[in-house]
């Protein structure tokens, strides 16, 4: 993402997990994990929306990690339709909580979760598993939520949901249908497609401005 991005691999349930780490200039106020779009359609941790979410969290003061899903880059394993990918993200979170070089309080820092497209689907289920285990995430930021393609889990009421008005991959109506029973607001960016071409700055602006409200 920038000259200070660290790229490394860690051990995961299916073998190596390839990830990028970006740290804020000051001691982190929390940890953040960002999940990328569908790996079978070219999605990687270096996707521009995933990088934009990472920049949001770094600006907000979070030590931020973007892993590659199974079979992408140097990550081992094969695509598992979002099931094994949940286990991988939980393994990354456990590893993040061991990084006392980032902060002596890494084990107890708040955890933020971000996801784009397929990554949003995986992220919602990871958030549910964390909450069920009594260790809920602090807050979620979801972009291009893949509600028309996968069974996206319900999310906390303060989740930031951003979608493009002209999303051709995940119709806006499907996101409304997912959000409506939860009484969950959806932020719509006029004119934006699924990949938010020329609209990335608006994602960053919206997440950063809304995060601490």
Protein backbone atom coordinates (compact mmCIF):
# COMPACT_ATOMS: atom_id res chain seq x y z
CA UNK A 1 0.00 0.00 0.00
CA UNK A 2 2.91 2.31 0.75
CA UNK A 3 6.62 2.23 1.47
CA UNK A 4 5.89 1.21 5.06
CA UNK A 5 3.70 -1.79 4.19
CA UNK A 6 5.15 -5.02 5.55
CA UNK A 7 4.42 -8.23 3.60
CA UNK A 8 4.81 -11.56 5.38
CA UNK A 9 3.28 -15.00 5.79
CA UNK A 10 1.95 -16.64 8.93
CA UNK A 11 0.68 -20.15 9.67
CA UNK A 12 -3.02 -20.77 9.11
CA UNK A 13 -5.46 -23.70 9.14
CA UNK A 14 -4.74 -24.55 5.48
CA UNK A 15 -1.06 -23.57 5.49
CA UNK A 16 0.59 -20.22 4.93
CA UNK A 17 -1.47 -17.02 4.96
CA UNK A 18 0.02 -14.18 2.92
CA UNK A 19 -0.72 -10.77 4.41
CA UNK A 20 0.17 -7.08 4.38
CA UNK A 21 0.54 -5.00 7.54
CA UNK A 22 0.23 -1.22 7.82
CA UNK A 23 0.85 0.52 11.14
CA UNK A 24 -0.18 4.02 12.23
CA UNK A 25 2.54 6.50 13.13
CA UNK A 26 1.59 6.55 16.80
CA UNK A 27 0.81 3.65 19.12
CA UNK A 28 -2.30 1.92 17.73
CA UNK A 29 -5.67 2.52 19.34
CA UNK A 30 -6.90 -0.80 17.96
CA UNK A 31 -6.47 -3.58 15.44
CA UNK A 32 -8.18 -3.76 12.04
CA UNK A 33 -8.65 -6.62 9.58
CA UNK A 34 -9.69 -6.02 5.97
CA UNK A 35 -11.07 -8.79 3.71
CA UNK A 36 -10.77 -8.59 -0.09
CA UNK A 37 -13.23 -9.48 -2.91
CA UNK A 38 -13.79 -12.88 -4.51
CA UNK A 39 -10.52 -14.69 -5.24
CA UNK A 40 -11.94 -16.60 -8.23
CA UNK A 41 -12.66 -13.29 -9.97
CA UNK A 42 -9.30 -11.62 -9.41
CA UNK A 43 -9.78 -10.42 -5.84
CA UNK A 44 -6.63 -9.92 -3.77
CA UNK A 45 -5.47 -8.00 -0.71
CA UNK A 46 -4.19 -5.32 -3.10
CA UNK A 47 -7.65 -4.59 -4.50
CA UNK A 48 -8.15 -0.81 -4.51
CA UNK A 49 -11.26 -0.86 -2.33
CA UNK A 50 -9.53 -3.13 0.21
CA UNK A 51 -6.55 -0.79 0.22
CA UNK A 52 -8.86 2.19 0.69
CA UNK A 53 -10.45 0.55 3.73
CA UNK A 54 -6.97 -0.16 5.09
CA UNK A 55 -6.02 3.49 4.63
CA UNK A 56 -9.16 4.49 6.54
CA UNK A 57 -8.21 2.33 9.50
CA UNK A 58 -4.57 3.43 9.51
CA UNK A 59 -5.68 7.07 9.47
CA UNK A 60 -7.99 6.29 12.40
CA UNK A 61 -5.03 4.84 14.31
CA UNK A 62 -5.48 1.09 13.83
CA UNK A 63 -2.76 -1.48 13.14
CA UNK A 64 -4.22 -2.88 9.93
CA UNK A 65 -3.82 -6.26 8.25
CA UNK A 66 -4.98 -7.34 4.77
CA UNK A 67 -4.64 -11.12 4.25
CA UNK A 68 -4.92 -12.94 0.94
CA UNK A 69 -7.62 -15.59 0.97
CA UNK A 70 -6.78 -19.23 0.32
CA UNK A 71 -5.09 -19.86 -3.01
CA UNK A 72 -4.31 -16.18 -3.63
CA UNK A 73 -0.74 -14.90 -3.80
CA UNK A 74 1.38 -16.84 -1.35
CA UNK A 75 -1.60 -18.08 0.68
CA UNK A 76 -1.88 -21.87 0.70
CA UNK A 77 -5.03 -23.90 0.15
CA UNK A 78 -7.93 -23.64 -2.28
CA UNK A 79 -11.07 -21.53 -2.33
CA UNK A 80 -13.62 -22.83 0.22
CA UNK A 81 -16.70 -20.73 -0.56
CA UNK A 82 -16.19 -18.55 2.50
CA UNK A 83 -16.19 -21.35 5.08
CA UNK A 84 -12.50 -22.10 5.54
CA UNK A 85 -11.85 -18.44 4.85
CA UNK A 86 -13.60 -17.60 8.12
CA UNK A 87 -11.20 -19.88 9.98
CA UNK A 88 -8.28 -18.17 8.25
CA UNK A 89 -9.44 -14.70 9.31
CA UNK A 90 -9.90 -15.88 12.88
CA UNK A 91 -6.34 -17.25 12.78
CA UNK A 92 -5.09 -13.88 11.55
CA UNK A 93 -6.94 -12.12 14.39
CA UNK A 94 -5.35 -14.48 16.93
CA UNK A 95 -1.93 -13.71 15.42
CA UNK A 96 -2.61 -9.96 15.55
CA UNK A 97 -3.42 -10.20 19.23
CA UNK A 98 0.05 -11.67 19.83
CA UNK A 99 1.88 -8.73 18.26
CA UNK A 100 3.16 -7.00 21.37
CA UNK A 101 5.73 -5.18 19.21
CA UNK A 102 2.80 -3.15 17.87
CA UNK A 103 1.39 -2.57 21.33
CA UNK A 104 1.92 -4.17 24.75
CA UNK A 105 -1.90 -4.24 24.91
CA UNK A 106 -2.40 -6.02 21.56
CA UNK A 107 -4.33 -8.85 23.21
CA UNK A 108 -7.03 -6.48 24.47
CA UNK A 109 -7.13 -3.70 21.86
CA UNK A 110 -10.49 -3.08 20.12
CA UNK A 111 -10.89 -4.92 16.81
CA UNK A 112 -12.32 -3.31 13.69
CA UNK A 113 -13.43 -5.38 10.70
CA UNK A 114 -13.70 -4.24 7.09
CA UNK A 115 -14.79 -6.16 4.02
CA UNK A 116 -15.47 -5.56 0.34
CA UNK A 117 -17.85 -7.70 -1.76
CA UNK A 118 -17.10 -11.41 -1.04
CA UNK A 119 -14.93 -10.14 1.80
CA UNK A 120 -17.96 -8.47 3.35
CA UNK A 121 -19.79 -11.81 3.39
CA UNK A 122 -16.89 -13.56 5.13
CA UNK A 123 -16.43 -10.63 7.52
CA UNK A 124 -20.05 -10.71 8.73
CA UNK A 125 -19.75 -14.37 9.66
CA UNK A 126 -16.43 -13.81 11.40
CA UNK A 127 -18.06 -10.99 13.36
CA UNK A 128 -20.90 -13.31 14.36
CA UNK A 129 -18.48 -16.01 15.51
CA UNK A 130 -16.53 -13.48 17.56
CA UNK A 131 -19.72 -12.17 19.16
CA UNK A 132 -20.93 -15.70 19.92
CA UNK A 133 -17.57 -16.37 21.61
CA UNK A 134 -18.00 -13.30 23.82
CA UNK A 135 -15.29 -11.28 22.06
CA UNK A 136 -17.23 -9.01 19.68
CA UNK A 137 -15.58 -6.67 17.21
CA UNK A 138 -15.71 -2.99 18.02
CA UNK A 139 -17.32 -2.04 14.69
CA UNK A 140 -17.64 -3.13 11.05
CA UNK A 141 -17.29 -1.26 7.75
CA UNK A 142 -18.76 -3.07 4.73
CA UNK A 143 -18.46 -1.93 1.12
CA UNK A 144 -20.30 -3.50 -1.81
CA UNK A 145 -21.95 -5.96 0.55
CA UNK A 146 -22.54 -9.16 -1.43
CA UNK A 147 -26.11 -9.70 -0.26
CA UNK A 148 -27.38 -11.00 -3.61
CA UNK A 149 -24.73 -13.69 -3.93
CA UNK A 150 -24.13 -15.16 -0.47
CA UNK A 151 -25.93 -15.51 2.85
CA UNK A 152 -24.55 -12.40 4.53
CA UNK A 153 -25.00 -12.54 8.30
CA UNK A 154 -26.85 -9.91 10.31
CA UNK A 155 -24.59 -7.23 11.75
CA UNK A 156 -24.56 -4.79 14.69
CA UNK A 157 -26.65 -1.63 14.38
CA UNK A 158 -23.61 0.67 14.16
CA UNK A 159 -22.13 -1.11 11.12
CA UNK A 160 -21.14 1.24 8.30
CA UNK A 161 -22.63 -0.06 5.02
CA UNK A 162 -21.59 1.67 1.79
CA UNK A 163 -22.92 0.72 -1.64
CA UNK A 164 -22.80 2.05 -5.17
CA UNK A 165 -25.98 3.30 -6.78
CA UNK A 166 -25.03 1.68 -10.09
CA UNK A 167 -23.51 -1.54 -8.74
CA UNK A 168 -23.90 -4.03 -11.59
CA UNK A 169 -22.55 -6.98 -9.57
CA UNK A 170 -24.62 -6.67 -6.40
CA UNK A 171 -27.85 -4.76 -7.08
CA UNK A 172 -28.56 -2.05 -4.54
CA UNK A 173 -32.06 -3.48 -3.98
CA UNK A 174 -30.57 -6.72 -2.63
CA UNK A 175 -28.63 -4.77 -0.03
CA UNK A 176 -31.79 -2.91 0.97
CA UNK A 177 -33.58 -6.26 1.28
CA UNK A 178 -30.81 -7.55 3.59
CA UNK A 179 -30.63 -4.33 5.62
CA UNK A 180 -34.37 -3.67 5.96
CA UNK A 181 -35.22 -6.36 8.57
CA UNK A 182 -32.26 -5.15 10.64
CA UNK A 183 -33.34 -1.49 10.37
CA UNK A 184 -29.79 -0.93 9.17
CA UNK A 185 -29.00 2.31 7.28
CA UNK A 186 -27.21 2.01 3.92
CA UNK A 187 -25.05 4.83 2.58
CA UNK A 188 -25.45 5.06 -1.21
CA UNK A 189 -22.81 6.75 -3.36
CA UNK A 190 -24.55 8.18 -6.44
CA UNK A 191 -23.08 7.04 -9.74
CA UNK A 192 -20.74 4.48 -8.15
CA UNK A 193 -20.30 1.03 -9.68
CA UNK A 194 -19.27 -2.11 -7.80
CA UNK A 195 -15.59 -1.19 -7.80
CA UNK A 196 -16.18 2.48 -6.98
CA UNK A 197 -14.11 3.79 -9.89
CA UNK A 198 -13.29 7.46 -9.22
CA UNK A 199 -15.26 7.24 -5.95
CA UNK A 200 -12.66 5.71 -3.61
CA UNK A 201 -12.06 9.05 -1.91
CA UNK A 202 -15.71 9.08 -0.87
CA UNK A 203 -15.39 5.69 0.84
CA UNK A 204 -12.47 6.99 2.87
CA UNK A 205 -14.26 10.21 3.73
CA UNK A 206 -17.42 8.40 4.82
CA UNK A 207 -15.72 5.77 6.98
CA UNK A 208 -13.32 8.18 8.68
CA UNK A 209 -16.03 10.76 9.39
CA UNK A 210 -18.54 8.20 10.70
CA UNK A 211 -16.22 5.96 12.70
CA UNK A 212 -16.18 7.68 16.08
CA UNK A 213 -19.73 8.96 16.05
